[in-house]
N, C-alpha and C. Protein backbone atom coordinates (compact mmCIF):
# COMPACT_ATOMS: atom_id res chain seq x y z
N MET A 1 -10.17 -7.70 2.76
CA MET A 1 -9.03 -6.79 2.92
C MET A 1 -9.31 -5.88 4.08
N LEU A 2 -8.21 -5.74 4.89
CA LEU A 2 -8.23 -4.85 6.02
C LEU A 2 -8.10 -3.42 5.57
N ILE A 3 -8.89 -2.48 5.93
CA ILE A 3 -8.72 -1.07 5.53
C ILE A 3 -8.75 -0.18 6.72
N TYR A 4 -9.37 -0.55 7.86
CA TYR A 4 -9.47 0.39 9.01
C TYR A 4 -9.30 -0.36 10.35
N LEU A 5 -8.61 0.28 11.25
CA LEU A 5 -8.49 -0.32 12.52
C LEU A 5 -8.71 0.76 13.62
N THR A 6 -9.31 0.47 14.71
CA THR A 6 -9.39 1.33 15.82
C THR A 6 -9.04 0.57 17.02
N GLY A 7 -8.21 1.16 17.87
CA GLY A 7 -7.75 0.42 19.04
C GLY A 7 -6.90 1.32 19.97
N LYS A 8 -6.26 0.72 20.92
CA LYS A 8 -5.34 1.38 21.85
C LYS A 8 -3.88 0.91 21.64
N ILE A 9 -3.00 2.00 21.57
CA ILE A 9 -1.62 1.69 21.36
C ILE A 9 -0.98 1.14 22.64
N VAL A 10 -0.45 -0.04 22.56
CA VAL A 10 0.18 -0.70 23.65
C VAL A 10 1.67 -0.65 23.62
N ALA A 11 2.33 -0.33 22.50
CA ALA A 11 3.74 -0.14 22.38
C ALA A 11 4.07 0.74 21.19
N VAL A 12 5.18 1.49 21.36
CA VAL A 12 5.63 2.26 20.33
C VAL A 12 7.16 1.84 20.07
N VAL A 13 7.45 1.40 18.83
CA VAL A 13 8.78 0.95 18.52
C VAL A 13 9.22 1.81 17.32
N PRO A 14 10.52 1.83 16.96
CA PRO A 14 10.98 2.65 15.82
C PRO A 14 10.10 2.32 14.57
N ASP A 15 9.47 3.38 14.07
CA ASP A 15 8.56 3.31 12.88
C ASP A 15 7.43 2.37 12.90
N GLN A 16 7.11 1.88 14.08
CA GLN A 16 5.96 0.99 14.28
C GLN A 16 5.23 1.17 15.55
N ILE A 17 3.98 0.83 15.55
CA ILE A 17 3.23 0.81 16.82
C ILE A 17 2.51 -0.55 16.90
N ILE A 18 2.20 -0.98 18.13
CA ILE A 18 1.32 -2.15 18.31
C ILE A 18 -0.06 -1.63 18.81
N VAL A 19 -1.02 -1.99 18.02
CA VAL A 19 -2.40 -1.55 18.44
C VAL A 19 -3.22 -2.67 18.87
N LYS A 20 -3.79 -2.66 20.10
CA LYS A 20 -4.63 -3.74 20.62
C LYS A 20 -6.03 -3.27 20.29
N LEU A 21 -6.78 -4.15 19.60
CA LEU A 21 -8.22 -4.03 19.37
C LEU A 21 -9.05 -4.35 20.56
N PRO A 22 -10.30 -3.92 20.60
CA PRO A 22 -11.23 -4.23 21.79
C PRO A 22 -11.33 -5.73 22.03
N ASN A 23 -11.12 -6.57 20.99
CA ASN A 23 -11.24 -7.99 21.19
C ASN A 23 -9.98 -8.64 21.76
N GLY A 24 -8.91 -7.77 21.99
CA GLY A 24 -7.73 -8.30 22.53
C GLY A 24 -6.59 -8.61 21.53
N VAL A 25 -6.91 -8.62 20.30
CA VAL A 25 -5.92 -8.91 19.22
C VAL A 25 -5.03 -7.73 19.04
N GLY A 26 -3.76 -7.90 18.88
CA GLY A 26 -2.87 -6.82 18.59
C GLY A 26 -2.19 -6.92 17.24
N TYR A 27 -2.04 -5.71 16.62
CA TYR A 27 -1.43 -5.65 15.30
C TYR A 27 -0.20 -4.78 15.29
N LEU A 28 0.81 -5.22 14.56
CA LEU A 28 2.07 -4.34 14.42
C LEU A 28 1.86 -3.62 13.18
N ILE A 29 1.88 -2.24 13.31
CA ILE A 29 1.59 -1.35 12.24
C ILE A 29 2.77 -0.48 11.91
N ASP A 30 3.14 -0.30 10.60
CA ASP A 30 4.22 0.58 10.24
C ASP A 30 3.55 2.01 10.18
N VAL A 31 4.25 2.94 10.80
CA VAL A 31 3.80 4.35 10.83
C VAL A 31 4.93 5.30 10.57
N ARG A 32 4.47 6.55 10.20
CA ARG A 32 5.35 7.64 10.09
C ARG A 32 4.67 8.94 10.38
N PRO A 33 5.18 9.79 11.15
CA PRO A 33 6.39 9.63 12.06
C PRO A 33 5.95 9.11 13.36
N ARG A 34 6.82 8.30 13.96
CA ARG A 34 6.45 7.65 15.11
C ARG A 34 6.36 8.51 16.31
N SER A 35 6.96 9.62 16.34
CA SER A 35 6.93 10.51 17.49
C SER A 35 5.53 11.05 17.82
N ARG A 36 4.53 10.99 17.02
CA ARG A 36 3.30 11.47 17.39
C ARG A 36 2.39 10.44 18.06
N TYR A 37 2.88 9.24 18.17
CA TYR A 37 2.02 8.20 18.85
C TYR A 37 2.50 8.01 20.24
N ILE A 38 1.48 7.71 21.16
CA ILE A 38 1.78 7.69 22.55
C ILE A 38 1.11 6.33 23.07
N VAL A 39 1.80 5.61 23.96
CA VAL A 39 1.30 4.44 24.54
C VAL A 39 0.03 4.83 25.25
N ASN A 40 -0.97 3.96 25.18
CA ASN A 40 -2.37 4.15 25.76
C ASN A 40 -3.28 5.12 25.04
N GLU A 41 -2.76 5.69 23.92
CA GLU A 41 -3.55 6.55 23.06
C GLU A 41 -4.50 5.66 22.24
N ASN A 42 -5.75 6.14 22.07
CA ASN A 42 -6.74 5.48 21.19
C ASN A 42 -6.47 6.06 19.83
N VAL A 43 -6.43 5.15 18.75
CA VAL A 43 -6.22 5.62 17.44
C VAL A 43 -7.25 4.97 16.40
N ASP A 44 -7.51 5.69 15.35
CA ASP A 44 -8.20 5.26 14.28
C ASP A 44 -7.25 5.33 13.06
N LEU A 45 -6.97 4.17 12.44
CA LEU A 45 -6.03 4.13 11.36
C LEU A 45 -6.57 3.51 10.14
N TYR A 46 -6.24 4.15 9.00
CA TYR A 46 -6.57 3.60 7.68
C TYR A 46 -5.37 2.74 7.19
N ILE A 47 -5.60 1.53 6.85
CA ILE A 47 -4.48 0.55 6.65
C ILE A 47 -4.29 0.16 5.11
N VAL A 48 -3.04 0.11 4.78
CA VAL A 48 -2.73 -0.50 3.47
C VAL A 48 -1.89 -1.70 3.73
N GLN A 49 -2.26 -2.79 3.11
CA GLN A 49 -1.45 -4.00 3.30
C GLN A 49 -0.50 -4.22 2.17
N ASN A 50 0.77 -4.47 2.50
CA ASN A 50 1.81 -4.79 1.52
C ASN A 50 2.49 -6.00 1.95
N GLY A 51 2.05 -7.10 1.28
CA GLY A 51 2.63 -8.44 1.78
C GLY A 51 2.15 -8.71 3.24
N GLU A 52 3.13 -8.95 4.09
CA GLU A 52 2.80 -9.20 5.50
C GLU A 52 2.63 -7.92 6.29
N SER A 53 3.12 -6.78 5.70
CA SER A 53 3.08 -5.54 6.53
C SER A 53 1.77 -4.86 6.40
N MET A 54 1.44 -4.06 7.52
CA MET A 54 0.34 -3.19 7.43
C MET A 54 0.90 -1.79 7.66
N ILE A 55 0.45 -0.83 6.86
CA ILE A 55 0.93 0.51 6.84
C ILE A 55 -0.20 1.48 7.15
N ALA A 56 0.01 2.33 8.10
CA ALA A 56 -1.06 3.29 8.50
C ALA A 56 -0.98 4.55 7.67
N LEU A 57 -2.19 5.05 7.33
CA LEU A 57 -2.41 6.41 6.77
C LEU A 57 -3.41 7.12 7.68
N ASP A 58 -3.36 8.40 7.56
CA ASP A 58 -4.14 9.18 8.47
C ASP A 58 -5.62 9.45 8.08
N THR A 59 -5.92 9.46 6.81
CA THR A 59 -7.21 9.72 6.42
C THR A 59 -7.78 8.74 5.40
N LEU A 60 -9.11 8.70 5.27
CA LEU A 60 -9.75 7.76 4.29
C LEU A 60 -9.29 8.25 2.83
N ASP A 61 -9.26 9.65 2.61
CA ASP A 61 -8.88 10.06 1.29
C ASP A 61 -7.51 9.65 0.96
N GLU A 62 -6.59 9.65 1.81
CA GLU A 62 -5.20 9.19 1.55
C GLU A 62 -5.23 7.65 1.18
N ARG A 63 -6.04 6.88 2.01
CA ARG A 63 -6.19 5.47 1.77
C ARG A 63 -6.82 5.15 0.38
N LEU A 64 -7.82 5.87 -0.01
CA LEU A 64 -8.45 5.73 -1.28
C LEU A 64 -7.54 6.15 -2.51
N TRP A 65 -6.66 7.14 -2.29
CA TRP A 65 -5.77 7.51 -3.29
C TRP A 65 -4.71 6.43 -3.53
N VAL A 66 -4.28 5.84 -2.42
CA VAL A 66 -3.34 4.74 -2.61
C VAL A 66 -3.94 3.61 -3.52
N ASP A 67 -5.16 3.29 -3.32
CA ASP A 67 -5.82 2.29 -4.16
C ASP A 67 -5.87 2.71 -5.64
N LYS A 68 -6.17 4.04 -5.80
CA LYS A 68 -6.29 4.55 -7.20
C LYS A 68 -4.86 4.46 -7.85
N LEU A 69 -3.73 4.87 -7.15
CA LEU A 69 -2.48 4.89 -7.67
C LEU A 69 -2.07 3.44 -8.10
N ILE A 70 -2.33 2.44 -7.21
CA ILE A 70 -2.03 1.11 -7.38
C ILE A 70 -2.68 0.57 -8.67
N LYS A 71 -4.02 0.98 -8.81
CA LYS A 71 -4.79 0.42 -10.01
C LYS A 71 -4.20 0.91 -11.40
N ILE A 72 -3.47 2.11 -11.39
CA ILE A 72 -2.86 2.54 -12.58
C ILE A 72 -1.40 1.98 -12.76
N GLY A 73 -0.87 1.23 -11.82
CA GLY A 73 0.39 0.59 -11.94
C GLY A 73 1.48 1.15 -11.06
N VAL A 74 1.17 2.04 -10.15
CA VAL A 74 2.23 2.61 -9.26
C VAL A 74 2.34 1.54 -8.13
N ASP A 75 3.62 1.25 -7.79
CA ASP A 75 3.97 0.32 -6.71
C ASP A 75 3.32 0.78 -5.42
N THR A 76 2.97 -0.22 -4.57
CA THR A 76 2.35 0.14 -3.25
C THR A 76 3.17 1.12 -2.39
N LEU A 77 4.40 0.80 -2.18
CA LEU A 77 5.26 1.68 -1.41
C LEU A 77 5.49 3.05 -2.02
N VAL A 78 5.54 3.13 -3.38
CA VAL A 78 5.79 4.42 -4.07
C VAL A 78 4.45 5.26 -3.89
N ALA A 79 3.30 4.50 -3.96
CA ALA A 79 1.99 5.29 -3.83
C ALA A 79 1.87 5.74 -2.37
N ILE A 80 2.30 5.03 -1.41
CA ILE A 80 2.24 5.47 0.00
C ILE A 80 3.20 6.65 0.19
N ASP A 81 4.42 6.62 -0.36
CA ASP A 81 5.36 7.72 -0.25
C ASP A 81 4.82 8.98 -0.92
N LEU A 82 4.18 8.84 -2.10
CA LEU A 82 3.56 9.82 -2.77
C LEU A 82 2.49 10.60 -1.99
N ILE A 83 1.60 9.75 -1.40
CA ILE A 83 0.56 10.30 -0.59
C ILE A 83 1.11 10.95 0.67
N ARG A 84 2.10 10.30 1.27
CA ARG A 84 2.68 10.98 2.47
C ARG A 84 3.45 12.23 2.23
N SER A 85 4.05 12.34 1.09
CA SER A 85 4.78 13.53 0.77
C SER A 85 3.82 14.71 0.20
N LEU A 86 2.86 14.35 -0.58
CA LEU A 86 1.98 15.34 -1.15
C LEU A 86 0.66 15.48 -0.37
N GLY A 87 0.13 14.41 0.19
CA GLY A 87 -1.18 14.51 0.72
C GLY A 87 -2.32 14.40 -0.22
N ALA A 88 -3.44 14.02 0.14
CA ALA A 88 -4.56 13.90 -0.75
C ALA A 88 -5.01 15.25 -1.38
N LYS A 89 -4.99 16.32 -0.60
CA LYS A 89 -5.35 17.54 -1.07
C LYS A 89 -4.43 18.14 -2.24
N LYS A 90 -3.11 17.99 -1.99
CA LYS A 90 -2.11 18.43 -3.03
C LYS A 90 -2.23 17.54 -4.27
N LEU A 91 -2.36 16.19 -4.02
CA LEU A 91 -2.59 15.39 -5.22
C LEU A 91 -3.79 15.78 -6.07
N ASN A 92 -4.92 16.01 -5.31
CA ASN A 92 -6.07 16.52 -6.04
C ASN A 92 -5.83 17.76 -6.83
N GLN A 93 -5.16 18.69 -6.18
CA GLN A 93 -4.74 19.97 -6.81
C GLN A 93 -3.84 19.82 -7.95
N ALA A 94 -2.85 18.92 -7.86
CA ALA A 94 -1.84 18.70 -8.92
C ALA A 94 -2.63 18.16 -10.13
N LEU A 95 -3.59 17.30 -9.90
CA LEU A 95 -4.39 16.70 -11.02
C LEU A 95 -5.30 17.85 -11.59
N ALA A 96 -5.95 18.61 -10.77
CA ALA A 96 -6.83 19.61 -11.28
C ALA A 96 -6.04 20.72 -12.15
N ASP A 97 -4.73 20.95 -11.77
CA ASP A 97 -3.96 21.96 -12.41
C ASP A 97 -3.05 21.33 -13.50
N ARG A 98 -3.13 20.00 -13.62
CA ARG A 98 -2.30 19.17 -14.53
C ARG A 98 -0.84 19.54 -14.26
N ASP A 99 -0.49 19.46 -12.97
CA ASP A 99 0.86 19.96 -12.59
C ASP A 99 1.84 18.69 -12.55
N ASN A 100 2.59 18.50 -13.63
CA ASN A 100 3.58 17.43 -13.67
C ASN A 100 4.66 17.51 -12.65
N GLN A 101 5.05 18.84 -12.42
CA GLN A 101 6.18 19.04 -11.51
C GLN A 101 5.97 18.44 -10.15
N ALA A 102 4.74 18.51 -9.60
CA ALA A 102 4.41 18.00 -8.32
C ALA A 102 4.58 16.48 -8.25
N LEU A 103 4.51 15.81 -9.37
CA LEU A 103 4.50 14.37 -9.38
C LEU A 103 5.78 13.69 -9.97
N GLN A 104 6.47 14.46 -10.86
CA GLN A 104 7.47 13.82 -11.68
C GLN A 104 8.70 13.28 -10.90
N ASP A 105 8.97 13.83 -9.72
CA ASP A 105 10.14 13.37 -9.01
C ASP A 105 9.74 12.03 -8.20
N LEU A 106 8.47 11.65 -8.18
CA LEU A 106 8.06 10.52 -7.37
C LEU A 106 7.67 9.33 -8.24
N ILE A 107 7.04 9.62 -9.40
CA ILE A 107 6.54 8.45 -10.18
C ILE A 107 6.91 8.72 -11.68
N PRO A 108 7.12 7.64 -12.54
CA PRO A 108 7.48 7.84 -13.90
C PRO A 108 6.51 8.59 -14.69
N ILE A 109 7.00 9.39 -15.66
CA ILE A 109 6.06 10.20 -16.49
C ILE A 109 4.94 9.46 -17.15
N LYS A 110 5.22 8.19 -17.59
CA LYS A 110 4.21 7.36 -18.22
C LYS A 110 3.07 7.18 -17.32
N LEU A 111 3.30 6.93 -15.92
CA LEU A 111 2.25 6.77 -15.01
C LEU A 111 1.52 8.13 -14.72
N ILE A 112 2.31 9.22 -14.77
CA ILE A 112 1.71 10.55 -14.52
C ILE A 112 0.65 10.76 -15.56
N THR A 113 0.99 10.47 -16.81
CA THR A 113 0.09 10.69 -17.93
C THR A 113 -1.15 9.82 -17.73
N LYS A 114 -0.98 8.60 -17.27
CA LYS A 114 -2.14 7.73 -17.00
C LYS A 114 -2.98 8.31 -15.87
N LEU A 115 -2.31 8.82 -14.87
CA LEU A 115 -3.01 9.39 -13.68
C LEU A 115 -3.82 10.57 -14.13
N PHE A 116 -3.33 11.45 -15.00
CA PHE A 116 -4.09 12.60 -15.43
C PHE A 116 -5.26 12.13 -16.26
N LYS A 117 -5.13 11.16 -17.04
CA LYS A 117 -6.14 10.61 -17.97
C LYS A 117 -7.27 9.96 -17.07
N THR A 118 -6.91 9.17 -16.09
CA THR A 118 -7.86 8.49 -15.30
C THR A 118 -8.57 9.32 -14.20
N TYR A 119 -7.78 10.20 -13.51
CA TYR A 119 -8.31 10.93 -12.37
C TYR A 119 -8.20 12.41 -12.46
N GLY A 120 -7.72 12.96 -13.56
CA GLY A 120 -7.54 14.37 -13.69
C GLY A 120 -8.78 15.09 -14.38
N SER A 121 -9.93 14.74 -13.95
CA SER A 121 -11.18 15.38 -14.52
C SER A 121 -11.20 16.82 -14.14
N SER A 122 -12.07 17.54 -14.92
CA SER A 122 -12.23 18.93 -14.71
C SER A 122 -12.87 19.34 -13.38
N ASP A 123 -13.59 18.33 -12.77
CA ASP A 123 -14.25 18.66 -11.49
C ASP A 123 -13.36 18.35 -10.27
N SER A 124 -12.05 18.13 -10.53
CA SER A 124 -11.13 17.84 -9.43
C SER A 124 -11.09 18.91 -8.40
N LYS A 125 -11.13 20.27 -8.83
CA LYS A 125 -11.05 21.33 -7.92
C LYS A 125 -12.33 21.38 -7.02
N GLU A 126 -13.44 21.06 -7.54
CA GLU A 126 -14.67 20.99 -6.71
C GLU A 126 -14.64 20.06 -5.64
N ARG A 127 -13.78 18.96 -5.78
CA ARG A 127 -13.79 18.02 -4.77
C ARG A 127 -12.96 18.41 -3.54
N LEU A 128 -12.21 19.48 -3.65
CA LEU A 128 -11.35 20.01 -2.56
C LEU A 128 -12.27 20.73 -1.68
N ASN A 129 -11.97 20.45 -0.36
CA ASN A 129 -12.80 21.15 0.68
C ASN A 129 -12.17 22.48 1.10
N ASP A 130 -10.84 22.50 1.02
CA ASP A 130 -10.12 23.68 1.51
C ASP A 130 -9.27 24.25 0.31
N LYS A 131 -8.72 25.42 0.66
CA LYS A 131 -7.80 25.99 -0.35
C LYS A 131 -6.54 25.11 -0.55
N PRO A 132 -5.95 25.07 -1.71
CA PRO A 132 -4.74 24.20 -1.90
C PRO A 132 -3.63 24.75 -1.06
N GLU A 133 -2.79 23.86 -0.55
CA GLU A 133 -1.63 24.23 0.11
C GLU A 133 -0.53 24.72 -0.87
N SER A 134 0.22 25.71 -0.50
CA SER A 134 1.36 26.08 -1.42
C SER A 134 2.51 25.00 -1.34
N SER A 135 3.34 25.06 -2.40
CA SER A 135 4.40 24.01 -2.39
C SER A 135 5.30 24.13 -1.25
N GLY A 136 5.40 25.32 -0.65
CA GLY A 136 6.30 25.44 0.50
C GLY A 136 5.59 25.41 1.89
N SER A 137 4.59 24.58 2.01
CA SER A 137 3.86 24.55 3.22
C SER A 137 4.47 23.68 4.29
N TYR A 138 5.58 22.96 3.91
CA TYR A 138 6.27 22.19 4.98
C TYR A 138 7.05 23.22 5.87
N THR A 139 7.59 22.64 6.90
CA THR A 139 8.46 23.38 7.91
C THR A 139 9.86 22.90 7.86
N ALA A 140 10.74 23.66 8.49
CA ALA A 140 12.13 23.13 8.66
C ALA A 140 12.08 21.86 9.55
N VAL A 141 11.12 21.73 10.39
CA VAL A 141 11.03 20.66 11.33
C VAL A 141 10.67 19.39 10.48
N ASP A 142 9.69 19.47 9.50
CA ASP A 142 9.28 18.36 8.69
C ASP A 142 10.56 17.86 7.89
N PHE A 143 11.23 18.82 7.25
CA PHE A 143 12.46 18.49 6.43
C PHE A 143 13.45 17.85 7.30
N THR A 144 13.73 18.46 8.52
CA THR A 144 14.78 17.83 9.39
C THR A 144 14.38 16.40 9.76
N GLN A 145 13.09 16.14 10.17
CA GLN A 145 12.71 14.92 10.52
C GLN A 145 12.93 13.89 9.44
N ASN A 146 12.61 14.21 8.16
CA ASN A 146 12.79 13.37 7.06
C ASN A 146 14.32 13.05 6.89
N MET A 147 15.15 14.03 6.97
CA MET A 147 16.49 13.86 6.78
C MET A 147 17.17 13.05 7.94
N ILE A 148 16.67 13.15 9.23
CA ILE A 148 17.15 12.34 10.38
C ILE A 148 16.79 10.96 10.08
N LYS A 149 15.56 10.67 9.54
CA LYS A 149 15.14 9.35 9.20
C LYS A 149 16.15 8.66 8.21
N LEU A 150 16.75 9.45 7.42
CA LEU A 150 17.75 8.95 6.40
C LEU A 150 19.07 8.94 7.03
N GLU A 151 19.18 9.17 8.37
CA GLU A 151 20.38 9.01 9.12
C GLU A 151 21.47 10.09 8.77
N PHE A 152 21.06 11.28 8.43
CA PHE A 152 22.10 12.40 8.19
C PHE A 152 22.17 13.09 9.54
N PRO A 153 23.36 13.46 9.89
CA PRO A 153 23.56 14.26 11.12
C PRO A 153 23.03 15.75 10.97
N ARG A 154 22.70 16.27 12.06
CA ARG A 154 22.08 17.60 12.11
C ARG A 154 23.04 18.66 11.48
N SER A 155 24.31 18.50 11.69
CA SER A 155 25.23 19.48 11.12
C SER A 155 25.21 19.46 9.63
N GLN A 156 24.97 18.30 9.01
CA GLN A 156 24.91 18.24 7.51
C GLN A 156 23.59 18.77 7.08
N ILE A 157 22.52 18.54 7.83
CA ILE A 157 21.18 19.01 7.52
C ILE A 157 21.17 20.56 7.48
N VAL A 158 21.86 21.24 8.48
CA VAL A 158 21.82 22.65 8.56
C VAL A 158 22.58 23.19 7.35
N ARG A 159 23.73 22.58 6.93
CA ARG A 159 24.49 23.03 5.73
C ARG A 159 23.66 22.76 4.40
N VAL A 160 22.95 21.72 4.37
CA VAL A 160 22.14 21.43 3.04
C VAL A 160 21.00 22.47 2.99
N ILE A 161 20.37 22.78 4.09
CA ILE A 161 19.35 23.76 4.02
C ILE A 161 19.90 25.18 3.50
N SER A 162 20.98 25.51 3.92
CA SER A 162 21.71 26.72 3.38
C SER A 162 21.87 26.62 1.82
N GLN A 163 22.36 25.41 1.45
CA GLN A 163 22.54 25.17 -0.01
C GLN A 163 21.27 25.28 -0.79
N LEU A 164 20.15 24.63 -0.19
CA LEU A 164 18.89 24.70 -0.90
C LEU A 164 18.37 26.08 -1.09
N LYS A 165 18.63 26.93 -0.02
CA LYS A 165 18.19 28.34 -0.09
C LYS A 165 18.97 29.03 -1.16
N LYS A 166 20.27 28.76 -1.27
CA LYS A 166 21.12 29.40 -2.26
C LYS A 166 20.64 28.99 -3.71
N GLU A 167 20.17 27.77 -3.82
CA GLU A 167 19.70 27.30 -5.19
C GLU A 167 18.32 27.67 -5.39
N GLY A 168 17.70 28.39 -4.42
CA GLY A 168 16.41 28.92 -4.72
C GLY A 168 15.22 27.92 -4.63
N LEU A 169 15.49 26.72 -4.01
CA LEU A 169 14.56 25.72 -3.88
C LEU A 169 13.69 25.73 -2.70
N TRP A 170 14.26 26.24 -1.60
CA TRP A 170 13.51 26.26 -0.28
C TRP A 170 12.19 27.05 -0.38
N ASP A 171 11.09 26.63 -0.03
CA ASP A 171 9.76 27.15 -0.05
C ASP A 171 9.25 27.24 -1.48
N ARG A 172 9.89 26.64 -2.43
CA ARG A 172 9.43 26.65 -3.85
C ARG A 172 9.06 25.34 -4.39
N VAL A 173 9.59 24.21 -3.75
CA VAL A 173 9.34 22.92 -4.33
C VAL A 173 8.78 22.06 -3.18
N SER A 174 8.25 20.86 -3.54
CA SER A 174 7.75 20.01 -2.57
C SER A 174 8.77 19.42 -1.55
N LEU A 175 8.26 18.97 -0.50
CA LEU A 175 9.21 18.42 0.53
C LEU A 175 9.92 17.20 -0.02
N ALA A 176 9.21 16.35 -0.78
CA ALA A 176 9.86 15.24 -1.38
C ALA A 176 11.02 15.61 -2.28
N THR A 177 10.72 16.63 -3.11
CA THR A 177 11.84 17.07 -4.06
C THR A 177 13.05 17.72 -3.26
N LEU A 178 12.74 18.45 -2.11
CA LEU A 178 13.83 18.94 -1.34
C LEU A 178 14.62 17.79 -0.72
N VAL A 179 14.01 16.77 -0.17
CA VAL A 179 14.72 15.68 0.39
C VAL A 179 15.59 14.98 -0.70
N LYS A 180 14.99 14.70 -1.81
CA LYS A 180 15.74 14.06 -2.95
C LYS A 180 16.90 14.91 -3.33
N ARG A 181 16.80 16.24 -3.46
CA ARG A 181 17.94 17.06 -3.84
C ARG A 181 18.99 17.07 -2.68
N SER A 182 18.52 17.12 -1.49
CA SER A 182 19.43 17.13 -0.33
C SER A 182 20.24 15.85 -0.33
N VAL A 183 19.74 14.70 -0.57
CA VAL A 183 20.44 13.38 -0.65
C VAL A 183 21.49 13.49 -1.76
N GLU A 184 21.05 14.08 -2.89
CA GLU A 184 22.10 14.27 -4.00
C GLU A 184 23.23 15.13 -3.59
N ILE A 185 22.94 16.25 -2.83
CA ILE A 185 23.99 17.09 -2.39
C ILE A 185 24.88 16.44 -1.39
N LEU A 186 24.39 15.77 -0.40
CA LEU A 186 25.13 15.22 0.68
C LEU A 186 25.85 13.97 0.31
N GLU A 187 25.38 13.25 -0.76
CA GLU A 187 26.07 12.05 -1.18
C GLU A 187 26.98 12.37 -2.34
N GLY A 188 26.87 13.57 -2.84
CA GLY A 188 27.76 14.03 -3.99
C GLY A 188 29.19 14.41 -3.42
N PRO A 189 30.02 14.79 -4.33
CA PRO A 189 31.41 15.06 -4.02
C PRO A 189 31.55 16.37 -3.17
N ARG A 190 30.52 17.25 -3.19
CA ARG A 190 30.71 18.48 -2.42
C ARG A 190 29.39 18.92 -1.79
N ILE A 191 29.44 19.83 -0.91
CA ILE A 191 28.31 20.53 -0.32
C ILE A 191 28.53 22.02 -0.25
């Protein structure tokens, strides 16, 4: 199983990069966000394979968490989305604090219970190297980039941010929860 790649980016295409290894072989890798990758940049990527696709993660911790989530029954793409939205540190913290709220919008409660039982040991906090991030550690830029990926125009994004602030959600819930609520608002009958 492929888990790690190092090489030079030879092309950047929407949501993907082509990485050329030192032996000359090139791989098409799914990435997010694509804007941070530059042609001729050397990269080290942790890879998750999903069928024919290879999906990049930034750290070994994130990669290992995807494996743990898959082992308890979480779908591969859901596990990747969970890690990308929470990050390994926040996931560790959610388990240490037994925080269902951080997880419930992303995976079924049955799997959350299994996750707590399997990986929610009392030493979870000691495994963290840094202080936990607050739930509002994202920025308006992160939120906007996620909404643009979902093909919402900026004018609607600005309006939905105002609505989220009125509802008291801004800076109080995870980025994934904000995006989910925003889609509900924008696709609903009103904003």
